Amino acid sequence: MAEKELRRMNRTELIEIIYALQQNGKMLQQEKEELQRQLKDRTIRIENAGSIAEAALSLNRIFEDAEAAAQQYLDSIRVASQPVSPRQETAKPAKVSDLKECGLMCEETSKECDRMLEETRQECDRMREETSRECARLLEEAERQVKEKADRTNRQIEMLLKKYPTLMEYFTREFDEEGKDA
């Protein structure tokens, strides 16, 4: 507002302006608190997402192992319940080299699973750090904006109070009376 407009205003209009500026300050503070709450909620969700991903990977591996063990058990029951044929009586036991190869394959598969699990953990950690940095940046930006608006509001209030000393007297009297009522 221009200085001339402020001088033409009566006391009630000036008080309304100051009141509106104070309400604006309160609204900015509430907005800041809401942004901080949202940031906290988001951080918790990000931390939980990492834990859930790790748990899901572990469960998948457990279920795969359990399924393989159950299948092996069923296969052994089927074989044991079948009558022995003359061909099977003369069948040769599995070769040691086949067993070694099977063991190597199991070991390689286990290593590959461990490697994939570690990659997933690292990716989750990277995403968690990236999100934390972004949240911190957003919070800093929100706090900066709130501070700028609050500073601007305070400057406007101070300017009005300097131009209209009677306002300061009025507010001093009002606050003194409120203190007595409480």
N, C-alpha and C. Protein backbone atom coordinates (compact mmCIF):
# COMPACT_ATOMS: atom_id res chain seq x y z
N MET A 1 0.84 -1.18 0.00
CA MET A 1 0.00 0.00 0.00
C MET A 1 0.88 1.24 0.00
N ALA A 2 0.35 2.24 -0.60
CA ALA A 2 1.09 3.50 -0.64
C ALA A 2 0.97 4.20 0.70
N GLU A 3 1.93 5.01 0.97
CA GLU A 3 1.97 5.73 2.25
C GLU A 3 0.76 6.63 2.41
N LYS A 4 0.34 7.27 1.31
CA LYS A 4 -0.81 8.17 1.37
C LYS A 4 -2.08 7.40 1.74
N GLU A 5 -2.23 6.21 1.18
CA GLU A 5 -3.41 5.41 1.49
C GLU A 5 -3.45 5.04 2.97
N LEU A 6 -2.30 4.70 3.52
CA LEU A 6 -2.24 4.34 4.93
C LEU A 6 -2.63 5.53 5.81
N ARG A 7 -2.20 6.72 5.44
CA ARG A 7 -2.50 7.91 6.24
C ARG A 7 -3.99 8.24 6.20
N ARG A 8 -4.65 7.94 5.11
CA ARG A 8 -6.07 8.24 4.97
C ARG A 8 -6.94 7.24 5.75
N MET A 9 -6.39 6.11 6.10
CA MET A 9 -7.19 5.09 6.77
C MET A 9 -7.46 5.47 8.22
N ASN A 10 -8.61 5.01 8.68
CA ASN A 10 -8.93 5.27 10.09
C ASN A 10 -8.35 4.15 10.94
N ARG A 11 -8.49 4.33 12.22
CA ARG A 11 -7.90 3.39 13.19
C ARG A 11 -8.43 1.97 12.98
N THR A 12 -9.69 1.81 12.75
CA THR A 12 -10.31 0.48 12.58
C THR A 12 -9.72 -0.23 11.37
N GLU A 13 -9.56 0.48 10.27
CA GLU A 13 -9.00 -0.13 9.06
C GLU A 13 -7.56 -0.57 9.30
N LEU A 14 -6.81 0.26 9.99
CA LEU A 14 -5.42 -0.09 10.28
C LEU A 14 -5.34 -1.31 11.19
N ILE A 15 -6.21 -1.36 12.17
CA ILE A 15 -6.24 -2.52 13.08
C ILE A 15 -6.61 -3.78 12.29
N GLU A 16 -7.54 -3.64 11.36
CA GLU A 16 -7.93 -4.80 10.53
C GLU A 16 -6.74 -5.28 9.70
N ILE A 17 -5.97 -4.36 9.18
CA ILE A 17 -4.79 -4.72 8.39
C ILE A 17 -3.78 -5.47 9.27
N ILE A 18 -3.53 -4.93 10.45
CA ILE A 18 -2.58 -5.58 11.36
C ILE A 18 -3.09 -6.95 11.75
N TYR A 19 -4.38 -7.04 12.03
CA TYR A 19 -4.98 -8.34 12.39
C TYR A 19 -4.82 -9.34 11.24
N ALA A 20 -5.08 -8.87 10.01
CA ALA A 20 -4.93 -9.75 8.84
C ALA A 20 -3.48 -10.21 8.69
N LEU A 21 -2.55 -9.31 8.93
CA LEU A 21 -1.13 -9.68 8.85
C LEU A 21 -0.77 -10.70 9.92
N GLN A 22 -1.32 -10.54 11.12
CA GLN A 22 -1.06 -11.51 12.18
C GLN A 22 -1.65 -12.87 11.83
N GLN A 23 -2.86 -12.87 11.28
CA GLN A 23 -3.49 -14.13 10.87
C GLN A 23 -2.66 -14.81 9.78
N ASN A 24 -2.13 -14.00 8.87
CA ASN A 24 -1.28 -14.54 7.81
C ASN A 24 -0.04 -15.20 8.42
N GLY A 25 0.53 -14.56 9.44
CA GLY A 25 1.70 -15.13 10.13
C GLY A 25 1.35 -16.45 10.79
N LYS A 26 0.20 -16.52 11.45
CA LYS A 26 -0.24 -17.76 12.09
C LYS A 26 -0.44 -18.86 11.04
N MET A 27 -1.04 -18.49 9.91
CA MET A 27 -1.28 -19.45 8.85
C MET A 27 0.05 -20.00 8.31
N LEU A 28 1.03 -19.14 8.16
CA LEU A 28 2.35 -19.57 7.68
C LEU A 28 2.99 -20.54 8.67
N GLN A 29 2.84 -20.26 9.96
CA GLN A 29 3.39 -21.15 10.98
C GLN A 29 2.72 -22.52 10.91
N GLN A 30 1.40 -22.54 10.75
CA GLN A 30 0.67 -23.81 10.64
C GLN A 30 1.11 -24.57 9.40
N GLU A 31 1.31 -23.85 8.30
CA GLU A 31 1.75 -24.48 7.05
C GLU A 31 3.14 -25.11 7.24
N LYS A 32 4.02 -24.42 7.95
CA LYS A 32 5.35 -24.94 8.23
C LYS A 32 5.25 -26.23 9.05
N GLU A 33 4.41 -26.21 10.10
CA GLU A 33 4.25 -27.39 10.94
C GLU A 33 3.69 -28.56 10.14
N GLU A 34 2.74 -28.30 9.25
CA GLU A 34 2.17 -29.36 8.40
C GLU A 34 3.24 -29.94 7.48
N LEU A 35 4.07 -29.09 6.90
CA LEU A 35 5.15 -29.57 6.03
C LEU A 35 6.15 -30.42 6.81
N GLN A 36 6.44 -30.02 8.04
CA GLN A 36 7.36 -30.81 8.86
C GLN A 36 6.75 -32.17 9.19
N ARG A 37 5.45 -32.21 9.49
CA ARG A 37 4.77 -33.47 9.78
C ARG A 37 4.79 -34.39 8.55
N GLN A 38 4.52 -33.80 7.37
CA GLN A 38 4.54 -34.59 6.15
C GLN A 38 5.93 -35.14 5.88
N LEU A 39 6.94 -34.35 6.13
CA LEU A 39 8.32 -34.81 5.94
C LEU A 39 8.62 -35.97 6.87
N LYS A 40 8.21 -35.87 8.13
CA LYS A 40 8.45 -36.95 9.09
C LYS A 40 7.73 -38.23 8.65
N ASP A 41 6.48 -38.11 8.21
CA ASP A 41 5.72 -39.27 7.73
C ASP A 41 6.42 -39.92 6.54
N ARG A 42 6.91 -39.09 5.64
CA ARG A 42 7.56 -39.62 4.44
C ARG A 42 8.85 -40.35 4.79
N THR A 43 9.60 -39.79 5.73
CA THR A 43 10.85 -40.43 6.16
C THR A 43 10.55 -41.79 6.77
N ILE A 44 9.52 -41.89 7.59
CA ILE A 44 9.17 -43.17 8.22
C ILE A 44 8.77 -44.18 7.14
N ARG A 45 7.99 -43.71 6.16
CA ARG A 45 7.57 -44.63 5.08
C ARG A 45 8.78 -45.12 4.29
N ILE A 46 9.75 -44.26 4.07
CA ILE A 46 10.94 -44.65 3.32
C ILE A 46 11.74 -45.69 4.10
N GLU A 47 11.89 -45.48 5.41
CA GLU A 47 12.62 -46.44 6.23
C GLU A 47 11.91 -47.79 6.24
N ASN A 48 10.58 -47.76 6.34
CA ASN A 48 9.81 -49.00 6.34
C ASN A 48 9.89 -49.71 4.99
N ALA A 49 9.95 -48.93 3.91
CA ALA A 49 10.04 -49.54 2.58
C ALA A 49 11.32 -50.36 2.45
N GLY A 50 12.43 -49.85 2.98
CA GLY A 50 13.68 -50.59 2.93
C GLY A 50 13.58 -51.89 3.72
N SER A 51 12.99 -51.83 4.89
CA SER A 51 12.84 -53.02 5.73
C SER A 51 11.93 -54.04 5.06
N ILE A 52 10.86 -53.56 4.45
CA ILE A 52 9.92 -54.46 3.80
C ILE A 52 10.57 -55.15 2.60
N ALA A 53 11.35 -54.41 1.82
CA ALA A 53 12.02 -54.99 0.66
C ALA A 53 12.98 -56.10 1.09
N GLU A 54 13.74 -55.85 2.15
CA GLU A 54 14.68 -56.86 2.64
C GLU A 54 13.93 -58.09 3.16
N ALA A 55 12.85 -57.87 3.86
CA ALA A 55 12.06 -59.00 4.39
C ALA A 55 11.46 -59.81 3.24
N ALA A 56 10.98 -59.12 2.21
CA ALA A 56 10.39 -59.83 1.07
C ALA A 56 11.44 -60.70 0.37
N LEU A 57 12.64 -60.16 0.20
CA LEU A 57 13.69 -60.95 -0.44
C LEU A 57 14.04 -62.18 0.40
N SER A 58 14.13 -62.01 1.71
CA SER A 58 14.44 -63.14 2.59
C SER A 58 13.33 -64.18 2.54
N LEU A 59 12.09 -63.72 2.57
CA LEU A 59 10.97 -64.66 2.51
C LEU A 59 10.95 -65.42 1.19
N ASN A 60 11.23 -64.73 0.10
CA ASN A 60 11.26 -65.42 -1.20
C ASN A 60 12.28 -66.55 -1.18
N ARG A 61 13.43 -66.28 -0.63
CA ARG A 61 14.47 -67.31 -0.58
C ARG A 61 14.05 -68.48 0.32
N ILE A 62 13.44 -68.16 1.45
CA ILE A 62 12.98 -69.21 2.37
C ILE A 62 11.93 -70.08 1.68
N PHE A 63 10.97 -69.41 1.00
CA PHE A 63 9.92 -70.18 0.32
C PHE A 63 10.49 -71.03 -0.81
N GLU A 64 11.46 -70.52 -1.53
CA GLU A 64 12.08 -71.31 -2.59
C GLU A 64 12.78 -72.54 -2.01
N ASP A 65 13.51 -72.34 -0.92
CA ASP A 65 14.18 -73.48 -0.27
C ASP A 65 13.16 -74.49 0.25
N ALA A 66 12.09 -74.00 0.86
CA ALA A 66 11.06 -74.90 1.40
C ALA A 66 10.38 -75.68 0.27
N GLU A 67 10.10 -74.99 -0.82
CA GLU A 67 9.47 -75.65 -1.97
C GLU A 67 10.38 -76.73 -2.54
N ALA A 68 11.65 -76.43 -2.66
CA ALA A 68 12.60 -77.41 -3.19
C ALA A 68 12.70 -78.62 -2.25
N ALA A 69 12.74 -78.38 -0.94
CA ALA A 69 12.81 -79.48 0.02
C ALA A 69 11.55 -80.33 -0.03
N ALA A 70 10.39 -79.68 -0.14
CA ALA A 70 9.13 -80.43 -0.22
C ALA A 70 9.08 -81.27 -1.50
N GLN A 71 9.53 -80.69 -2.59
CA GLN A 71 9.54 -81.44 -3.86
C GLN A 71 10.48 -82.64 -3.77
N GLN A 72 11.63 -82.43 -3.17
CA GLN A 72 12.59 -83.53 -3.01
C GLN A 72 11.99 -84.64 -2.12
N TYR A 73 11.30 -84.25 -1.08
CA TYR A 73 10.66 -85.21 -0.18
C TYR A 73 9.59 -86.01 -0.94
N LEU A 74 8.76 -85.29 -1.71
CA LEU A 74 7.72 -85.99 -2.48
C LEU A 74 8.33 -86.95 -3.51
N ASP A 75 9.38 -86.50 -4.15
CA ASP A 75 10.05 -87.37 -5.13
C ASP A 75 10.60 -88.62 -4.46
N SER A 76 11.19 -88.47 -3.29
CA SER A 76 11.75 -89.64 -2.61
C SER A 76 10.63 -90.60 -2.17
N ILE A 77 9.48 -90.06 -1.77
CA ILE A 77 8.34 -90.93 -1.41
C ILE A 77 7.83 -91.68 -2.63
N ARG A 78 7.74 -90.99 -3.76
CA ARG A 78 7.28 -91.65 -4.99
C ARG A 78 8.23 -92.79 -5.38
N VAL A 79 9.50 -92.50 -5.32
CA VAL A 79 10.48 -93.53 -5.69
C VAL A 79 10.40 -94.70 -4.72
N ALA A 80 10.28 -94.41 -3.43
CA ALA A 80 10.25 -95.49 -2.44
C ALA A 80 8.97 -96.32 -2.55
N SER A 81 7.89 -95.72 -3.00
CA SER A 81 6.63 -96.45 -3.07
C SER A 81 6.47 -97.25 -4.37
N GLN A 82 7.33 -97.01 -5.34
CA GLN A 82 7.25 -97.76 -6.60
C GLN A 82 7.98 -99.10 -6.44
N PRO A 83 7.41 -100.11 -7.10
CA PRO A 83 8.12 -101.40 -7.06
C PRO A 83 9.44 -101.30 -7.83
N VAL A 84 10.40 -102.06 -7.41
CA VAL A 84 11.71 -102.04 -8.04
C VAL A 84 11.65 -102.88 -9.31
N SER A 85 12.04 -102.28 -10.40
CA SER A 85 12.05 -103.01 -11.67
C SER A 85 13.42 -103.65 -11.86
N PRO A 86 13.50 -104.65 -12.70
CA PRO A 86 14.81 -105.28 -12.94
C PRO A 86 15.83 -104.29 -13.45
N ARG A 87 15.38 -103.31 -14.19
CA ARG A 87 16.32 -102.31 -14.72
C ARG A 87 16.91 -101.48 -13.60
N GLN A 88 16.06 -101.13 -12.64
CA GLN A 88 16.52 -100.30 -11.53
C GLN A 88 17.50 -101.05 -10.64
N GLU A 89 17.31 -102.36 -10.54
CA GLU A 89 18.23 -103.14 -9.71
C GLU A 89 19.65 -103.09 -10.25
N THR A 90 19.74 -103.02 -11.55
CA THR A 90 21.08 -102.99 -12.16
C THR A 90 21.58 -101.58 -12.40
N ALA A 91 20.73 -100.59 -12.09
CA ALA A 91 21.13 -99.20 -12.34
C ALA A 91 22.31 -98.83 -11.45
N LYS A 92 23.14 -97.99 -12.00
CA LYS A 92 24.33 -97.56 -11.28
C LYS A 92 23.99 -96.35 -10.41
N PRO A 93 24.61 -96.25 -9.27
CA PRO A 93 24.39 -95.05 -8.44
C PRO A 93 24.94 -93.81 -9.16
N ALA A 94 24.47 -92.67 -8.72
CA ALA A 94 24.91 -91.42 -9.34
C ALA A 94 26.42 -91.30 -9.24
N LYS A 95 26.99 -90.72 -10.27
CA LYS A 95 28.44 -90.52 -10.29
C LYS A 95 28.83 -89.40 -9.33
N VAL A 96 30.01 -89.54 -8.79
CA VAL A 96 30.53 -88.52 -7.89
C VAL A 96 30.66 -87.19 -8.62
N SER A 97 31.04 -87.25 -9.89
CA SER A 97 31.20 -86.00 -10.65
C SER A 97 29.86 -85.29 -10.81
N ASP A 98 28.77 -86.07 -10.98
CA ASP A 98 27.44 -85.45 -11.08
C ASP A 98 27.06 -84.77 -9.77
N LEU A 99 27.37 -85.41 -8.67
CA LEU A 99 27.06 -84.84 -7.36
C LEU A 99 27.87 -83.57 -7.12
N LYS A 100 29.14 -83.59 -7.52
CA LYS A 100 29.98 -82.40 -7.35
C LYS A 100 29.44 -81.25 -8.20
N GLU A 101 29.03 -81.60 -9.44
CA GLU A 101 28.50 -80.57 -10.34
C GLU A 101 27.22 -79.96 -9.75
N CYS A 102 26.38 -80.80 -9.19
CA CYS A 102 25.14 -80.33 -8.56
C CYS A 102 25.48 -79.41 -7.37
N GLY A 103 26.44 -79.81 -6.58
CA GLY A 103 26.86 -78.99 -5.44
C GLY A 103 27.41 -77.64 -5.88
N LEU A 104 28.20 -77.65 -6.97
CA LEU A 104 28.73 -76.39 -7.49
C LEU A 104 27.62 -75.49 -7.98
N MET A 105 26.64 -76.10 -8.66
CA MET A 105 25.51 -75.31 -9.16
C MET A 105 24.74 -74.67 -7.99
N CYS A 106 24.54 -75.43 -6.93
CA CYS A 106 23.86 -74.89 -5.75
C CYS A 106 24.65 -73.74 -5.14
N GLU A 107 25.95 -73.93 -5.06
CA GLU A 107 26.81 -72.90 -4.48
C GLU A 107 26.78 -71.63 -5.33
N GLU A 108 26.85 -71.79 -6.67
CA GLU A 108 26.81 -70.63 -7.57
C GLU A 108 25.47 -69.91 -7.45
N THR A 109 24.40 -70.69 -7.38
CA THR A 109 23.07 -70.09 -7.26
C THR A 109 22.96 -69.31 -5.95
N SER A 110 23.47 -69.88 -4.89
CA SER A 110 23.43 -69.21 -3.59
C SER A 110 24.22 -67.90 -3.64
N LYS A 111 25.40 -67.93 -4.26
CA LYS A 111 26.22 -66.72 -4.37
C LYS A 111 25.50 -65.65 -5.20
N GLU A 112 24.86 -66.08 -6.28
CA GLU A 112 24.14 -65.14 -7.15
C GLU A 112 22.98 -64.50 -6.37
N CYS A 113 22.28 -65.29 -5.59
CA CYS A 113 21.18 -64.76 -4.76
C CYS A 113 21.72 -63.75 -3.75
N ASP A 114 22.83 -64.08 -3.11
CA ASP A 114 23.43 -63.16 -2.15
C ASP A 114 23.85 -61.87 -2.82
N ARG A 115 24.42 -61.98 -4.01
CA ARG A 115 24.85 -60.79 -4.75
C ARG A 115 23.63 -59.91 -5.10
N MET A 116 22.57 -60.55 -5.55
CA MET A 116 21.36 -59.79 -5.90
C MET A 116 20.74 -59.13 -4.68
N LEU A 117 20.76 -59.82 -3.56
CA LEU A 117 20.24 -59.26 -2.32
C LEU A 117 21.06 -58.04 -1.91
N GLU A 118 22.37 -58.13 -2.00
CA GLU A 118 23.24 -57.01 -1.65
C GLU A 118 23.00 -55.82 -2.59
N GLU A 119 22.83 -56.09 -3.88
CA GLU A 119 22.54 -55.01 -4.83
C GLU A 119 21.23 -54.32 -4.47
N THR A 120 20.24 -55.11 -4.10
CA THR A 120 18.95 -54.55 -3.72
C THR A 120 19.08 -53.69 -2.46
N ARG A 121 19.83 -54.17 -1.49
CA ARG A 121 20.06 -53.38 -0.26
C ARG A 121 20.75 -52.06 -0.58
N GLN A 122 21.77 -52.13 -1.45
CA GLN A 122 22.49 -50.92 -1.80
C GLN A 122 21.58 -49.93 -2.52
N GLU A 123 20.75 -50.44 -3.43
CA GLU A 123 19.82 -49.57 -4.16
C GLU A 123 18.81 -48.93 -3.19
N CYS A 124 18.31 -49.71 -2.23
CA CYS A 124 17.39 -49.17 -1.22
C CYS A 124 18.09 -48.09 -0.39
N ASP A 125 19.33 -48.35 0.01
CA ASP A 125 20.09 -47.35 0.77
C ASP A 125 20.28 -46.07 -0.03
N ARG A 126 20.62 -46.24 -1.31
CA ARG A 126 20.83 -45.08 -2.18
C ARG A 126 19.53 -44.28 -2.31
N MET A 127 18.42 -44.98 -2.52
CA MET A 127 17.14 -44.30 -2.65
C MET A 127 16.75 -43.61 -1.34
N ARG A 128 17.02 -44.25 -0.21
CA ARG A 128 16.71 -43.67 1.10
C ARG A 128 17.52 -42.39 1.30
N GLU A 129 18.81 -42.42 0.97
CA GLU A 129 19.65 -41.24 1.12
C GLU A 129 19.19 -40.11 0.19
N GLU A 130 18.87 -40.46 -1.04
CA GLU A 130 18.42 -39.47 -2.01
C GLU A 130 17.12 -38.82 -1.54
N THR A 131 16.21 -39.62 -1.03
CA THR A 131 14.94 -39.09 -0.55
C THR A 131 15.16 -38.22 0.68
N SER A 132 16.05 -38.63 1.57
CA SER A 132 16.34 -37.83 2.76
C SER A 132 16.91 -36.47 2.36
N ARG A 133 17.81 -36.46 1.38
CA ARG A 133 18.37 -35.19 0.92
C ARG A 133 17.28 -34.31 0.33
N GLU A 134 16.39 -34.89 -0.47
CA GLU A 134 15.31 -34.13 -1.09
C GLU A 134 14.36 -33.59 -0.02
N CYS A 135 14.05 -34.40 0.98
CA CYS A 135 13.18 -33.95 2.07
C CYS A 135 13.83 -32.80 2.83
N ALA A 136 15.11 -32.92 3.10
CA ALA A 136 15.82 -31.85 3.82
C ALA A 136 15.81 -30.57 2.99
N ARG A 137 16.02 -30.71 1.69
CA ARG A 137 16.00 -29.54 0.81
C ARG A 137 14.63 -28.88 0.82
N LEU A 138 13.57 -29.69 0.74
CA LEU A 138 12.21 -29.15 0.74
C LEU A 138 11.90 -28.46 2.07
N LEU A 139 12.34 -29.06 3.16
CA LEU A 139 12.10 -28.46 4.47
C LEU A 139 12.83 -27.13 4.59
N GLU A 140 14.09 -27.09 4.15
CA GLU A 140 14.85 -25.83 4.19
C GLU A 140 14.16 -24.76 3.35
N GLU A 141 13.68 -25.14 2.17
CA GLU A 141 12.99 -24.19 1.30
C GLU A 141 11.72 -23.69 1.95
N ALA A 142 10.95 -24.59 2.57
CA ALA A 142 9.70 -24.18 3.24
C ALA A 142 10.02 -23.25 4.41
N GLU A 143 11.03 -23.58 5.19
CA GLU A 143 11.41 -22.73 6.32
C GLU A 143 11.88 -21.36 5.84
N ARG A 144 12.64 -21.35 4.75
CA ARG A 144 13.11 -20.09 4.18
C ARG A 144 11.92 -19.23 3.75
N GLN A 145 10.94 -19.84 3.07
CA GLN A 145 9.77 -19.09 2.61
C GLN A 145 8.96 -18.56 3.79
N VAL A 146 8.79 -19.39 4.81
CA VAL A 146 8.04 -18.96 5.99
C VAL A 146 8.76 -17.80 6.66
N LYS A 147 10.08 -17.92 6.78
CA LYS A 147 10.85 -16.84 7.42
C LYS A 147 10.74 -15.55 6.61
N GLU A 148 10.84 -15.64 5.28
CA GLU A 148 10.73 -14.44 4.44
C GLU A 148 9.37 -13.78 4.62
N LYS A 149 8.32 -14.59 4.61
CA LYS A 149 6.96 -14.02 4.76
C LYS A 149 6.77 -13.43 6.15
N ALA A 150 7.28 -14.13 7.16
CA ALA A 150 7.16 -13.62 8.53
C ALA A 150 7.94 -12.31 8.68
N ASP A 151 9.15 -12.25 8.11
CA ASP A 151 9.96 -11.03 8.17
C ASP A 151 9.24 -9.88 7.46
N ARG A 152 8.68 -10.18 6.30
CA ARG A 152 7.97 -9.16 5.53
C ARG A 152 6.76 -8.66 6.33
N THR A 153 6.03 -9.57 6.95
CA THR A 153 4.88 -9.20 7.76
C THR A 153 5.30 -8.35 8.95
N ASN A 154 6.37 -8.75 9.61
CA ASN A 154 6.87 -7.97 10.75
C ASN A 154 7.31 -6.57 10.34
N ARG A 155 7.97 -6.48 9.18
CA ARG A 155 8.37 -5.15 8.70
C ARG A 155 7.15 -4.27 8.43
N GLN A 156 6.11 -4.85 7.87
CA GLN A 156 4.90 -4.08 7.59
C GLN A 156 4.24 -3.63 8.88
N ILE A 157 4.20 -4.51 9.87
CA ILE A 157 3.61 -4.14 11.15
C ILE A 157 4.42 -3.03 11.80
N GLU A 158 5.74 -3.18 11.80
CA GLU A 158 6.61 -2.15 12.39
C GLU A 158 6.45 -0.81 11.68
N MET A 159 6.31 -0.85 10.35
CA MET A 159 6.13 0.38 9.58
C MET A 159 4.81 1.06 9.99
N LEU A 160 3.76 0.29 10.13
CA LEU A 160 2.47 0.85 10.52
C LEU A 160 2.55 1.44 11.93
N LEU A 161 3.19 0.71 12.82
CA LEU A 161 3.28 1.18 14.20
C LEU A 161 4.14 2.45 14.31
N LYS A 162 5.18 2.58 13.48
CA LYS A 162 6.01 3.78 13.48
C LYS A 162 5.23 4.98 12.92
N LYS A 163 4.46 4.73 11.86
CA LYS A 163 3.71 5.82 11.22
C LYS A 163 2.52 6.25 12.08
N TYR A 164 2.00 5.31 12.82
CA TYR A 164 0.81 5.60 13.62
C TYR A 164 1.08 5.21 15.08
N PRO A 165 1.75 6.05 15.81
CA PRO A 165 2.11 5.74 17.20
C PRO A 165 0.87 5.47 18.06
N THR A 166 -0.26 6.01 17.66
CA THR A 166 -1.47 5.76 18.45
C THR A 166 -1.85 4.28 18.39
N LEU A 167 -1.49 3.61 17.33
CA LEU A 167 -1.75 2.17 17.24
C LEU A 167 -0.97 1.43 18.33
N MET A 168 0.26 1.84 18.52
CA MET A 168 1.10 1.19 19.53
C MET A 168 0.48 1.41 20.90
N GLU A 169 0.00 2.62 21.13
CA GLU A 169 -0.65 2.90 22.42
C GLU A 169 -1.90 2.03 22.57
N TYR A 170 -2.67 1.94 21.50
CA TYR A 170 -3.90 1.14 21.54
C TYR A 170 -3.58 -0.32 21.86
N PHE A 171 -2.61 -0.89 21.16
CA PHE A 171 -2.27 -2.30 21.39
C PHE A 171 -1.67 -2.50 22.78
N THR A 172 -0.88 -1.57 23.23
CA THR A 172 -0.31 -1.68 24.58
C THR A 172 -1.44 -1.71 25.60
N ARG A 173 -2.41 -0.81 25.41
CA ARG A 173 -3.56 -0.75 26.32
C ARG A 173 -4.38 -2.04 26.23
N GLU A 174 -4.60 -2.54 25.03
CA GLU A 174 -5.38 -3.78 24.84
C GLU A 174 -4.70 -4.97 25.50
N PHE A 175 -3.39 -5.08 25.32
CA PHE A 175 -2.67 -6.22 25.89
C PHE A 175 -2.62 -6.11 27.42
N ASP A 176 -2.50 -4.88 27.91
CA ASP A 176 -2.50 -4.70 29.36
C ASP A 176 -3.85 -5.13 29.93
N GLU A 177 -4.93 -4.78 29.25
CA GLU A 177 -6.27 -5.14 29.73
C GLU A 177 -6.49 -6.65 29.64
N GLU A 178 -5.99 -7.27 28.60
CA GLU A 178 -6.12 -8.73 28.47
C GLU A 178 -5.36 -9.42 29.60
N GLY A 179 -4.22 -8.89 29.95
CA GLY A 179 -3.42 -9.47 31.03
C GLY A 179 -4.15 -9.38 32.36
N LYS A 180 -4.87 -8.28 32.57
CA LYS A 180 -5.63 -8.11 33.81
C LYS A 180 -6.82 -9.06 33.87
N ASP A 181 -7.45 -9.31 32.72
CA ASP A 181 -8.61 -10.21 32.66
C ASP A 181 -8.22 -11.65 32.91
N ALA A 182 -7.02 -12.02 32.52
CA ALA A 182 -6.59 -13.42 32.66
C ALA A 182 -6.25 -13.70 34.08
